[in-house]
Amino acid sequence: MSNAIPAVSLQHLSNALTDVVVKAAPSVIAVHSTRSRSSGFVWRPGLIVTADEALDDEGDIAVALPGGEMAAARVVGRDPTTDVALLRIDRANPPPVMLESASGPAGALAWAVGSLQGASITAFGTVSFVGGPWRSFRGGEIDSRIELDLSLRRAGEGGLALDASSRAFGMVVFGPRRQVLVIPAATIERVAATLETRGRIARGYLGLGLQPTKLDGDDALGVMVMSVDPNGPGAAAGVRQGDLIVQWNDRPIQGVRMLLRALGPDIVGSTIKLALRRGGEPVEIHLTVGERPET
């Protein structure tokens, strides 16, 4: 008695896998910037979401629509902290994708669907990890940690993450060591909506150039003020070059990265308490966080 899987069953499986890609393909486009090729998808009519890190900082941007037609695109806004960029094209089509707010659990099947020259490219694997909210290295607030176990082509970054029911639950991007991460639907909706209306995501600004340092006779860390923007919030609060910041709102400083992560959109306009050492003497300063200038 043979245990071989019938060819018809394999064909049914192959067709089912292909259908997931076919359903998503009309909304997925290829993004061409000066020195890179990536993917994106239609979020709203005429608006395309793509991965910020895959875009060049300068030069023209074009997109290849499904089927290969080229169209010029312009940047509406970019947020490096969440890796979300929003482009505009003068086209009513292709159709927008509907993003779902939840992914499958660890072990669920997952697809990454992108575009190369207007033709679909895809990777197939599983959801390897699902966790709670987290902050990116640059301080962006990501609503959930979703990792995929699949091999993503460079041109596929910025494409859609799909589940076995063809539901789009986010955008695929590269993390450290080319780990494939998903920027979830909730983050995309929040960030893209702000980029559409404001063109940028507000970030907190201290107006200080900082460098990490160890405290004398202690294993604890602090940050040294290396420069002060004369028109910035730090100068207005009385911070001076050479000051050593040791606490932020009564929390010990754990390095410059801690401060960068704290300077999210919600903190703009808030007053924070800084504990300093100035010439070896303790100083307490209250600083109102400003909004980072565009430049």
C-alpha atoms as a PDB file:
ATOM      1  CA  MET A   1       0.000   0.000   0.000  1.00  0.00           C
ATOM      2  CA  SER A   2       1.495   3.342  -1.044  1.00  0.00           C
ATOM      3  CA  ASN A   3       1.754   6.291   1.370  1.00  0.00           C
ATOM      4  CA  ALA A   4       2.518   8.765  -1.408  1.00  0.00           C
ATOM      5  CA  ILE A   5       0.519  11.997  -1.334  1.00  0.00           C
ATOM      6  CA  PRO A   6      -1.756  12.172  -4.365  1.00  0.00           C
ATOM      7  CA  ALA A   7      -0.610  14.662  -6.982  1.00  0.00           C
ATOM      8  CA  VAL A   8      -4.057  16.261  -6.993  1.00  0.00           C
ATOM      9  CA  SER A   9      -3.714  17.081  -3.271  1.00  0.00           C
ATOM     10  CA  LEU A  10      -0.373  18.773  -3.884  1.00  0.00           C
ATOM     11  CA  GLN A  11      -1.893  20.766  -6.719  1.00  0.00           C
ATOM     12  CA  HIS A  12      -4.760  21.883  -4.485  1.00  0.00           C
ATOM     13  CA  LEU A  13      -2.236  23.019  -1.870  1.00  0.00           C
ATOM     14  CA  SER A  14      -0.187  24.839  -4.495  1.00  0.00           C
ATOM     15  CA  ASN A  15      -3.297  26.587  -5.807  1.00  0.00           C
ATOM     16  CA  ALA A  16      -4.294  27.646  -2.307  1.00  0.00           C
ATOM     17  CA  LEU A  17      -0.858  29.117  -1.634  1.00  0.00           C
ATOM     18  CA  THR A  18      -0.903  30.928  -4.961  1.00  0.00           C
ATOM     19  CA  ASP A  19      -4.371  32.364  -4.342  1.00  0.00           C
ATOM     20  CA  VAL A  20      -3.091  34.273  -1.300  1.00  0.00           C
ATOM     21  CA  VAL A  21      -0.585  36.087  -3.503  1.00  0.00           C
ATOM     22  CA  VAL A  22      -3.007  36.619  -6.393  1.00  0.00           C
ATOM     23  CA  LYS A  23      -5.568  38.321  -4.147  1.00  0.00           C
ATOM     24  CA  ALA A  24      -2.999  40.768  -2.760  1.00  0.00           C
ATOM     25  CA  ALA A  25      -1.120  41.492  -5.993  1.00  0.00           C
ATOM     26  CA  PRO A  26      -3.412  44.258  -7.391  1.00  0.00           C
ATOM     27  CA  SER A  27      -2.611  46.490  -4.399  1.00  0.00           C
ATOM     28  CA  VAL A  28       1.169  45.884  -4.256  1.00  0.00           C
ATOM     29  CA  ILE A  29       3.607  48.064  -6.206  1.00  0.00           C
ATOM     30  CA  ALA A  30       7.363  48.332  -6.776  1.00  0.00           C
ATOM     31  CA  VAL A  31       9.155  51.436  -5.461  1.00  0.00           C
ATOM     32  CA  HIS A  32      12.163  52.812  -7.342  1.00  0.00           C
ATOM     33  CA  SER A  33      14.349  55.426  -5.694  1.00  0.00           C
ATOM     34  CA  THR A  34      17.760  56.541  -6.899  1.00  0.00           C
ATOM     35  CA  ARG A  35      19.829  53.612  -5.657  1.00  0.00           C
ATOM     36  CA  SER A  36      17.311  51.131  -4.278  1.00  0.00           C
ATOM     37  CA  ARG A  37      14.406  48.918  -5.229  1.00  0.00           C
ATOM     38  CA  SER A  38      11.734  48.016  -2.703  1.00  0.00           C
ATOM     39  CA  SER A  39       7.999  47.395  -2.454  1.00  0.00           C
ATOM     40  CA  GLY A  40       4.936  49.167  -1.144  1.00  0.00           C
ATOM     41  CA  PHE A  41       1.176  48.895  -1.124  1.00  0.00           C
ATOM     42  CA  VAL A  42      -1.785  51.160  -1.729  1.00  0.00           C
ATOM     43  CA  TRP A  43      -3.074  52.334   1.647  1.00  0.00           C
ATOM     44  CA  ARG A  44      -5.677  54.784   0.402  1.00  0.00           C
ATOM     45  CA  PRO A  45      -6.516  55.940  -3.144  1.00  0.00           C
ATOM     46  CA  GLY A  46      -3.381  57.577  -4.512  1.00  0.00           C
ATOM     47  CA  LEU A  47      -1.396  56.970  -1.289  1.00  0.00           C
ATOM     48  CA  ILE A  48       1.274  54.295  -0.943  1.00  0.00           C
ATOM     49  CA  VAL A  49       2.888  53.009   2.245  1.00  0.00           C
ATOM     50  CA  THR A  50       6.448  51.735   1.982  1.00  0.00           C
ATOM     51  CA  ALA A  51       9.479  51.134   4.201  1.00  0.00           C
ATOM     52  CA  ASP A  52      11.287  54.354   5.055  1.00  0.00           C
ATOM     53  CA  GLU A  53      14.706  52.738   5.396  1.00  0.00           C
ATOM     54  CA  ALA A  54      14.469  51.429   1.813  1.00  0.00           C
ATOM     55  CA  LEU A  55      14.057  54.940   0.364  1.00  0.00           C
ATOM     56  CA  ASP A  56      16.992  57.127  -0.608  1.00  0.00           C
ATOM     57  CA  ASP A  57      17.176  60.473   1.131  1.00  0.00           C
ATOM     58  CA  GLU A  58      17.445  62.386  -2.156  1.00  0.00           C
ATOM     59  CA  GLY A  59      16.440  62.000  -5.766  1.00  0.00           C
ATOM     60  CA  ASP A  60      13.275  61.181  -7.656  1.00  0.00           C
ATOM     61  CA  ILE A  61      10.947  58.337  -6.744  1.00  0.00           C
ATOM     62  CA  ALA A  62       8.863  56.300  -9.169  1.00  0.00           C
ATOM     63  CA  VAL A  63       6.620  53.280  -8.760  1.00  0.00           C
ATOM     64  CA  ALA A  64       5.893  50.332 -11.015  1.00  0.00           C
ATOM     65  CA  LEU A  65       2.191  49.535 -10.868  1.00  0.00           C
ATOM     66  CA  PRO A  66       0.888  45.980 -11.258  1.00  0.00           C
ATOM     67  CA  GLY A  67       1.509  45.102 -14.878  1.00  0.00           C
ATOM     68  CA  GLY A  68       4.608  47.310 -15.164  1.00  0.00           C
ATOM     69  CA  GLU A  69       3.255  50.820 -15.855  1.00  0.00           C
ATOM     70  CA  MET A  70       5.557  53.444 -14.317  1.00  0.00           C
ATOM     71  CA  ALA A  71       4.286  56.482 -12.417  1.00  0.00           C
ATOM     72  CA  ALA A  72       6.029  59.341 -10.653  1.00  0.00           C
ATOM     73  CA  ALA A  73       5.657  59.494  -6.883  1.00  0.00           C
ATOM     74  CA  ARG A  74       6.356  62.162  -4.319  1.00  0.00           C
ATOM     75  CA  VAL A  75       6.963  61.887  -0.604  1.00  0.00           C
ATOM     76  CA  VAL A  76       4.087  62.948   1.621  1.00  0.00           C
ATOM     77  CA  GLY A  77       5.954  62.196   4.836  1.00  0.00           C
ATOM     78  CA  ARG A  78       8.473  59.885   6.458  1.00  0.00           C
ATOM     79  CA  ASP A  79       8.924  58.524   9.971  1.00  0.00           C
ATOM     80  CA  PRO A  80      12.272  56.759  10.421  1.00  0.00           C
ATOM     81  CA  THR A  81      11.369  55.754  13.990  1.00  0.00           C
ATOM     82  CA  THR A  82       8.578  53.406  12.856  1.00  0.00           C
ATOM     83  CA  ASP A  83      10.005  52.778   9.346  1.00  0.00           C
ATOM     84  CA  VAL A  84       6.814  54.060   7.700  1.00  0.00           C
ATOM     85  CA  ALA A  85       6.932  56.334   4.651  1.00  0.00           C
ATOM     86  CA  LEU A  86       3.948  57.664   2.704  1.00  0.00           C
ATOM     87  CA  LEU A  87       4.045  58.400  -1.032  1.00  0.00           C
ATOM     88  CA  ARG A  88       1.487  59.990  -3.341  1.00  0.00           C
ATOM     89  CA  ILE A  89       0.825  59.080  -6.960  1.00  0.00           C
ATOM     90  CA  ASP A  90      -1.615  60.716  -9.349  1.00  0.00           C
ATOM     91  CA  ARG A  91      -3.657  57.557  -9.860  1.00  0.00           C
ATOM     92  CA  ALA A  92      -7.020  56.476  -8.494  1.00  0.00           C
ATOM     93  CA  ASN A  93      -6.023  52.847  -9.050  1.00  0.00           C
ATOM     94  CA  PRO A  94      -4.730  50.313  -8.057  1.00  0.00           C
ATOM     95  CA  PRO A  95      -7.163  49.515  -5.237  1.00  0.00           C
ATOM     96  CA  PRO A  96      -6.275  50.078  -1.568  1.00  0.00           C
ATOM     97  CA  VAL A  97      -5.592  47.100   0.649  1.00  0.00           C
ATOM     98  CA  MET A  98      -7.618  46.481   3.810  1.00  0.00           C
ATOM     99  CA  LEU A  99      -5.302  46.084   6.794  1.00  0.00           C
ATOM    100  CA  GLU A 100      -6.324  43.786   9.646  1.00  0.00           C
ATOM    101  CA  SER A 101      -5.465  44.646  13.237  1.00  0.00           C
ATOM    102  CA  ALA A 102      -4.215  41.205  14.331  1.00  0.00           C
ATOM    103  CA  SER A 103      -1.803  38.586  13.024  1.00  0.00           C
ATOM    104  CA  GLY A 104      -1.924  34.846  13.534  1.00  0.00           C
ATOM    105  CA  PRO A 105      -0.199  33.242  16.535  1.00  0.00           C
ATOM    106  CA  ALA A 106       3.319  31.859  16.474  1.00  0.00           C
ATOM    107  CA  GLY A 107       3.379  28.917  14.082  1.00  0.00           C
ATOM    108  CA  ALA A 108       0.735  30.325  11.732  1.00  0.00           C
ATOM    109  CA  LEU A 109       1.503  30.426   8.023  1.00  0.00           C
ATOM    110  CA  ALA A 110       2.613  33.787   6.645  1.00  0.00           C
ATOM    111  CA  TRP A 111       3.399  35.324   3.266  1.00  0.00           C
ATOM    112  CA  ALA A 112       5.425  38.385   2.328  1.00  0.00           C
ATOM    113  CA  VAL A 113       4.221  39.803  -0.987  1.00  0.00           C
ATOM    114  CA  GLY A 114       6.147  42.495  -2.803  1.00  0.00           C
ATOM    115  CA  SER A 115       6.707  43.636  -6.360  1.00  0.00           C
ATOM    116  CA  LEU A 116       9.629  43.772  -8.779  1.00  0.00           C
ATOM    117  CA  GLN A 117       9.083  45.801 -11.946  1.00  0.00           C
ATOM    118  CA  GLY A 118       5.337  45.411 -11.469  1.00  0.00           C
ATOM    119  CA  ALA A 119       5.402  41.612 -11.095  1.00  0.00           C
ATOM    120  CA  SER A 120       4.722  39.820  -7.825  1.00  0.00           C
ATOM    121  CA  ILE A 121       7.528  38.467  -5.671  1.00  0.00           C
ATOM    122  CA  THR A 122       6.758  36.444  -2.584  1.00  0.00           C
ATOM    123  CA  ALA A 123       8.238  34.559   0.350  1.00  0.00           C
ATOM    124  CA  PHE A 124       6.455  31.890   2.361  1.00  0.00           C
ATOM    125  CA  GLY A 125       7.065  30.850   5.961  1.00  0.00           C
ATOM    126  CA  THR A 126       5.612  31.102   9.431  1.00  0.00           C
ATOM    127  CA  VAL A 127       4.999  33.587  12.201  1.00  0.00           C
ATOM    128  CA  SER A 128       7.888  32.853  14.561  1.00  0.00           C
ATOM    129  CA  PHE A 129       7.062  35.257  17.397  1.00  0.00           C
ATOM    130  CA  VAL A 130       4.234  37.530  18.524  1.00  0.00           C
ATOM    131  CA  GLY A 131       4.763  39.895  21.437  1.00  0.00           C
ATOM    132  CA  GLY A 132       3.499  43.131  22.925  1.00  0.00           C
ATOM    133  CA  PRO A 133       4.268  46.769  22.148  1.00  0.00           C
ATOM    134  CA  TRP A 134       7.918  47.778  21.789  1.00  0.00           C
ATOM    135  CA  ARG A 135      10.121  50.720  20.892  1.00  0.00           C
ATOM    136  CA  SER A 136      12.415  50.675  17.910  1.00  0.00           C
ATOM    137  CA  PHE A 137      16.104  51.534  18.128  1.00  0.00           C
ATOM    138  CA  ARG A 138      15.189  55.053  16.986  1.00  0.00           C
ATOM    139  CA  GLY A 139      12.457  55.435  19.568  1.00  0.00           C
ATOM    140  CA  GLY A 140       9.366  54.658  17.504  1.00  0.00           C
ATOM    141  CA  GLU A 141       6.354  53.108  19.220  1.00  0.00           C
ATOM    142  CA  ILE A 142       5.428  49.826  17.499  1.00  0.00           C
ATOM    143  CA  ASP A 143       2.086  48.369  18.605  1.00  0.00           C
ATOM    144  CA  SER A 144       3.186  44.707  18.625  1.00  0.00           C
ATOM    145  CA  ARG A 145       6.327  42.682  17.998  1.00  0.00           C
ATOM    146  CA  ILE A 146       5.771  40.282  15.090  1.00  0.00           C
ATOM    147  CA  GLU A 147       8.646  38.246  13.636  1.00  0.00           C
ATOM    148  CA  LEU A 148       8.446  36.041  10.547  1.00  0.00           C
ATOM    149  CA  ASP A 149      10.546  33.011   9.678  1.00  0.00           C
ATOM    150  CA  LEU A 150      10.987  33.442   5.924  1.00  0.00           C
ATOM    151  CA  SER A 151      13.618  34.539   3.418  1.00  0.00           C
ATOM    152  CA  LEU A 152      12.802  38.037   2.171  1.00  0.00           C
ATOM    153  CA  ARG A 153      14.378  39.514  -0.944  1.00  0.00           C
ATOM    154  CA  ARG A 154      15.730  43.035  -0.621  1.00  0.00           C
ATOM    155  CA  ALA A 155      13.195  44.257  -3.201  1.00  0.00           C
ATOM    156  CA  GLY A 156      10.394  42.772  -1.093  1.00  0.00           C
ATOM    157  CA  GLU A 157      10.954  45.105   1.858  1.00  0.00           C
ATOM    158  CA  GLY A 158       7.929  47.351   2.289  1.00  0.00           C
ATOM    159  CA  GLY A 159       5.537  44.720   0.946  1.00  0.00           C
ATOM    160  CA  LEU A 160       2.558  43.159   2.657  1.00  0.00           C
ATOM    161  CA  ALA A 161       2.508  40.510   5.386  1.00  0.00           C
ATOM    162  CA  LEU A 162      -0.423  38.150   4.796  1.00  0.00           C
ATOM    163  CA  ASP A 163      -2.007  35.277   6.662  1.00  0.00           C
ATOM    164  CA  ALA A 164      -3.546  32.091   5.261  1.00  0.00           C
ATOM    165  CA  SER A 165      -6.886  33.852   4.773  1.00  0.00           C
ATOM    166  CA  SER A 166      -5.267  36.510   2.549  1.00  0.00           C
ATOM    167  CA  ARG A 167      -5.643  39.118   5.294  1.00  0.00           C
ATOM    168  CA  ALA A 168      -2.965  41.806   5.324  1.00  0.00           C
ATOM    169  CA  PHE A 169      -1.732  42.372   8.880  1.00  0.00           C
ATOM    170  CA  GLY A 170       1.214  44.695   8.280  1.00  0.00           C
ATOM    171  CA  MET A 171       4.316  45.643   6.315  1.00  0.00           C
ATOM    172  CA  VAL A 172       7.447  43.471   6.134  1.00  0.00           C
ATOM    173  CA  VAL A 173      10.775  45.151   6.928  1.00  0.00           C
ATOM    174  CA  PHE A 174      14.274  44.089   7.835  1.00  0.00           C
ATOM    175  CA  GLY A 175      15.385  44.130  11.447  1.00  0.00           C
ATOM    176  CA  PRO A 176      18.867  43.447  12.833  1.00  0.00           C
ATOM    177  CA  ARG A 177      20.842  40.791  10.909  1.00  0.00           C
ATOM    178  CA  ARG A 178      18.148  40.780   8.186  1.00  0.00           C
ATOM    179  CA  GLN A 179      15.558  39.395  10.567  1.00  0.00           C
ATOM    180  CA  VAL A 180      12.110  39.865   9.015  1.00  0.00           C
ATOM    181  CA  LEU A 181       9.829  42.000  11.176  1.00  0.00           C
ATOM    182  CA  VAL A 182       6.290  43.228  10.621  1.00  0.00           C
ATOM    183  CA  ILE A 183       5.205  46.808  11.192  1.00  0.00           C
ATOM    184  CA  PRO A 184       1.654  45.967  12.293  1.00  0.00           C
ATOM    185  CA  ALA A 185      -1.538  47.398  10.868  1.00  0.00           C
ATOM    186  CA  ALA A 186      -2.293  49.488  13.965  1.00  0.00           C
ATOM    187  CA  THR A 187       1.066  51.261  13.731  1.00  0.00           C
ATOM    188  CA  ILE A 188       0.701  51.869   9.997  1.00  0.00           C
ATOM    189  CA  GLU A 189      -2.790  53.310  10.356  1.00  0.00           C
ATOM    190  CA  ARG A 190      -1.712  55.635  13.159  1.00  0.00           C
ATOM    191  CA  VAL A 191       1.506  56.845  11.569  1.00  0.00           C
ATOM    192  CA  ALA A 192       0.307  57.073   7.965  1.00  0.00           C
ATOM    193  CA  ALA A 193      -2.748  59.115   9.005  1.00  0.00           C
ATOM    194  CA  THR A 194      -0.493  61.623  10.771  1.00  0.00           C
ATOM    195  CA  LEU A 195       1.898  61.765   7.822  1.00  0.00           C
ATOM    196  CA  GLU A 196      -1.020  62.449   5.486  1.00  0.00           C
ATOM    197  CA  THR A 197      -2.207  65.437   7.532  1.00  0.00           C
ATOM    198  CA  ARG A 198       1.070  66.792   8.940  1.00  0.00           C
ATOM    199  CA  GLY A 199       3.820  65.356   6.756  1.00  0.00           C
ATOM    200  CA  ARG A 200       5.856  64.293   9.753  1.00  0.00           C
ATOM    201  CA  ILE A 201       5.704  62.728  13.209  1.00  0.00           C
ATOM    202  CA  ALA A 202       6.538  65.135  16.001  1.00  0.00           C
ATOM    203  CA  ARG A 203       9.544  64.151  18.089  1.00  0.00           C
ATOM    204  CA  GLY A 204      10.740  65.643  21.337  1.00  0.00           C
ATOM    205  CA  TYR A 205      13.710  68.020  21.224  1.00  0.00           C
ATOM    206  CA  LEU A 206      16.069  69.061  24.008  1.00  0.00           C
ATOM    207  CA  GLY A 207      18.479  71.116  21.925  1.00  0.00           C
ATOM    208  CA  LEU A 208      21.438  69.332  23.501  1.00  0.00           C
ATOM    209  CA  GLY A 209      24.377  67.438  22.047  1.00  0.00           C
ATOM    210  CA  LEU A 210      24.993  64.502  24.376  1.00  0.00           C
ATOM    211  CA  GLN A 211      27.684  61.908  24.943  1.00  0.00           C
ATOM    212  CA  PRO A 212      27.479  58.914  27.320  1.00  0.00           C
ATOM    213  CA  THR A 213      29.926  58.765  30.202  1.00  0.00           C
ATOM    214  CA  LYS A 214      30.501  56.842  33.426  1.00  0.00           C
ATOM    215  CA  LEU A 215      30.031  58.621  36.719  1.00  0.00           C
ATOM    216  CA  ASP A 216      33.172  59.083  38.786  1.00  0.00           C
ATOM    217  CA  GLY A 217      33.688  56.260  41.271  1.00  0.00           C
ATOM    218  CA  ASP A 218      30.506  54.532  40.195  1.00  0.00           C
ATOM    219  CA  ASP A 219      29.391  51.974  37.655  1.00  0.00           C
ATOM    220  CA  ALA A 220      26.340  54.090  36.841  1.00  0.00           C
ATOM    221  CA  LEU A 221      26.003  55.972  33.556  1.00  0.00           C
ATOM    222  CA  GLY A 222      25.292  59.581  32.818  1.00  0.00           C
ATOM    223  CA  VAL A 223      25.356  61.777  29.732  1.00  0.00           C
ATOM    224  CA  MET A 224      27.634  64.754  29.234  1.00  0.00           C
ATOM    225  CA  VAL A 225      26.262  67.880  27.559  1.00  0.00           C
ATOM    226  CA  MET A 226      28.710  68.525  24.726  1.00  0.00           C
ATOM    227  CA  SER A 227      26.798  71.338  23.020  1.00  0.00           C
ATOM    228  CA  VAL A 228      23.732  73.504  23.611  1.00  0.00           C
ATOM    229  CA  ASP A 229      21.478  74.947  20.907  1.00  0.00           C
ATOM    230  CA  PRO A 230      21.208  78.598  22.009  1.00  0.00           C
ATOM    231  CA  ASN A 231      17.613  78.708  20.786  1.00  0.00           C
ATOM    232  CA  GLY A 232      16.605  75.280  22.122  1.00  0.00           C
ATOM    233  CA  PRO A 233      14.676  74.111  25.185  1.00  0.00           C
ATOM    234  CA  GLY A 234      17.864  73.128  27.049  1.00  0.00           C
ATOM    235  CA  ALA A 235      19.310  76.631  26.832  1.00  0.00           C
ATOM    236  CA  ALA A 236      15.980  78.161  27.896  1.00  0.00           C
ATOM    237  CA  ALA A 237      15.974  75.910  30.985  1.00  0.00           C
ATOM    238  CA  GLY A 238      19.541  76.824  31.923  1.00  0.00           C
ATOM    239  CA  VAL A 239      21.444  73.696  30.864  1.00  0.00           C
ATOM    240  CA  ARG A 240      25.106  74.443  30.153  1.00  0.00           C
ATOM    241  CA  GLN A 241      27.831  72.802  28.147  1.00  0.00           C
ATOM    242  CA  GLY A 242      29.778  70.476  30.451  1.00  0.00           C
ATOM    243  CA  ASP A 243      26.776  69.599  32.616  1.00  0.00           C
ATOM    244  CA  LEU A 244      26.403  65.924  33.471  1.00  0.00           C
ATOM    245  CA  ILE A 245      22.825  64.635  33.353  1.00  0.00           C
ATOM    246  CA  VAL A 246      22.349  61.828  35.890  1.00  0.00           C
ATOM    247  CA  GLN A 247      18.552  61.524  36.235  1.00  0.00           C
ATOM    248  CA  TRP A 248      15.474  62.046  34.050  1.00  0.00           C
ATOM    249  CA  ASN A 249      12.246  62.519  36.034  1.00  0.00           C
ATOM    250  CA  ASP A 250      13.922  60.836  39.031  1.00  0.00           C
ATOM    251  CA  ARG A 251      15.019  57.832  36.931  1.00  0.00           C
ATOM    252  CA  PRO A 252      18.752  57.090  36.674  1.00  0.00           C
ATOM    253  CA  ILE A 253      20.154  57.722  33.218  1.00  0.00           C
ATOM    254  CA  GLN A 254      21.014  54.561  31.305  1.00  0.00           C
ATOM    255  CA  GLY A 255      22.652  56.205  28.308  1.00  0.00           C
ATOM    256  CA  VAL A 256      21.811  58.438  25.382  1.00  0.00           C
ATOM    257  CA  ARG A 257      19.556  55.799  23.836  1.00  0.00           C
ATOM    258  CA  MET A 258      17.267  55.978  26.863  1.00  0.00           C
ATOM    259  CA  LEU A 259      16.804  59.709  26.290  1.00  0.00           C
ATOM    260  CA  LEU A 260      16.200  59.286  22.566  1.00  0.00           C
ATOM    261  CA  ARG A 261      13.529  56.678  23.227  1.00  0.00           C
ATOM    262  CA  ALA A 262      11.874  58.967  25.749  1.00  0.00           C
ATOM    263  CA  LEU A 263      11.551  61.768  23.203  1.00  0.00           C
ATOM    264  CA  GLY A 264       8.431  60.433  21.506  1.00  0.00           C
ATOM    265  CA  PRO A 265       5.471  62.406  20.131  1.00  0.00           C
ATOM    266  CA  ASP A 266       3.577  62.347  23.437  1.00  0.00           C
ATOM    267  CA  ILE A 267       6.281  64.178  25.363  1.00  0.00           C
ATOM    268  CA  VAL A 268       6.336  67.340  23.224  1.00  0.00           C
ATOM    269  CA  GLY A 269       5.252  70.244  25.441  1.00  0.00           C
ATOM    270  CA  SER A 270       5.749  68.285  28.673  1.00  0.00           C
ATOM    271  CA  THR A 271       7.990  69.538  31.459  1.00  0.00           C
ATOM    272  CA  ILE A 272      10.575  67.079  32.710  1.00  0.00           C
ATOM    273  CA  LYS A 273      12.946  67.239  35.684  1.00  0.00           C
ATOM    274  CA  LEU A 274      16.659  66.794  35.085  1.00  0.00           C
ATOM    275  CA  ALA A 275      19.133  66.072  37.877  1.00  0.00           C
ATOM    276  CA  LEU A 276      22.557  67.400  36.881  1.00  0.00           C
ATOM    277  CA  ARG A 277      26.064  67.586  38.216  1.00  0.00           C
ATOM    278  CA  ARG A 278      27.716  70.912  37.469  1.00  0.00           C
ATOM    279  CA  GLY A 279      31.280  71.254  38.641  1.00  0.00           C
ATOM    280  CA  GLY A 280      30.652  68.334  40.990  1.00  0.00           C
ATOM    281  CA  GLU A 281      27.637  70.013  42.595  1.00  0.00           C
ATOM    282  CA  PRO A 282      24.022  68.773  42.216  1.00  0.00           C
ATOM    283  CA  VAL A 283      21.681  70.970  40.195  1.00  0.00           C
ATOM    284  CA  GLU A 284      17.982  70.404  39.419  1.00  0.00           C
ATOM    285  CA  ILE A 285      16.434  71.851  36.258  1.00  0.00           C
ATOM    286  CA  HIS A 286      12.912  71.748  34.845  1.00  0.00           C
ATOM    287  CA  LEU A 287      12.896  71.645  31.052  1.00  0.00           C
ATOM    288  CA  THR A 288       9.911  71.953  28.694  1.00  0.00           C
ATOM    289  CA  VAL A 289      10.456  69.579  25.777  1.00  0.00           C
ATOM    290  CA  GLY A 290      10.180  71.192  22.367  1.00  0.00           C
ATOM    291  CA  GLU A 291       9.400  69.730  18.950  1.00  0.00           C
ATOM    292  CA  ARG A 292      12.360  68.636  16.874  1.00  0.00           C
ATOM    293  CA  PRO A 293      12.904  70.934  13.891  1.00  0.00           C
ATOM    294  CA  GLU A 294      12.483  69.338  10.475  1.00  0.00           C
ATOM    295  CA  THR A 295      16.129  69.964   9.662  1.00  0.00           C
END
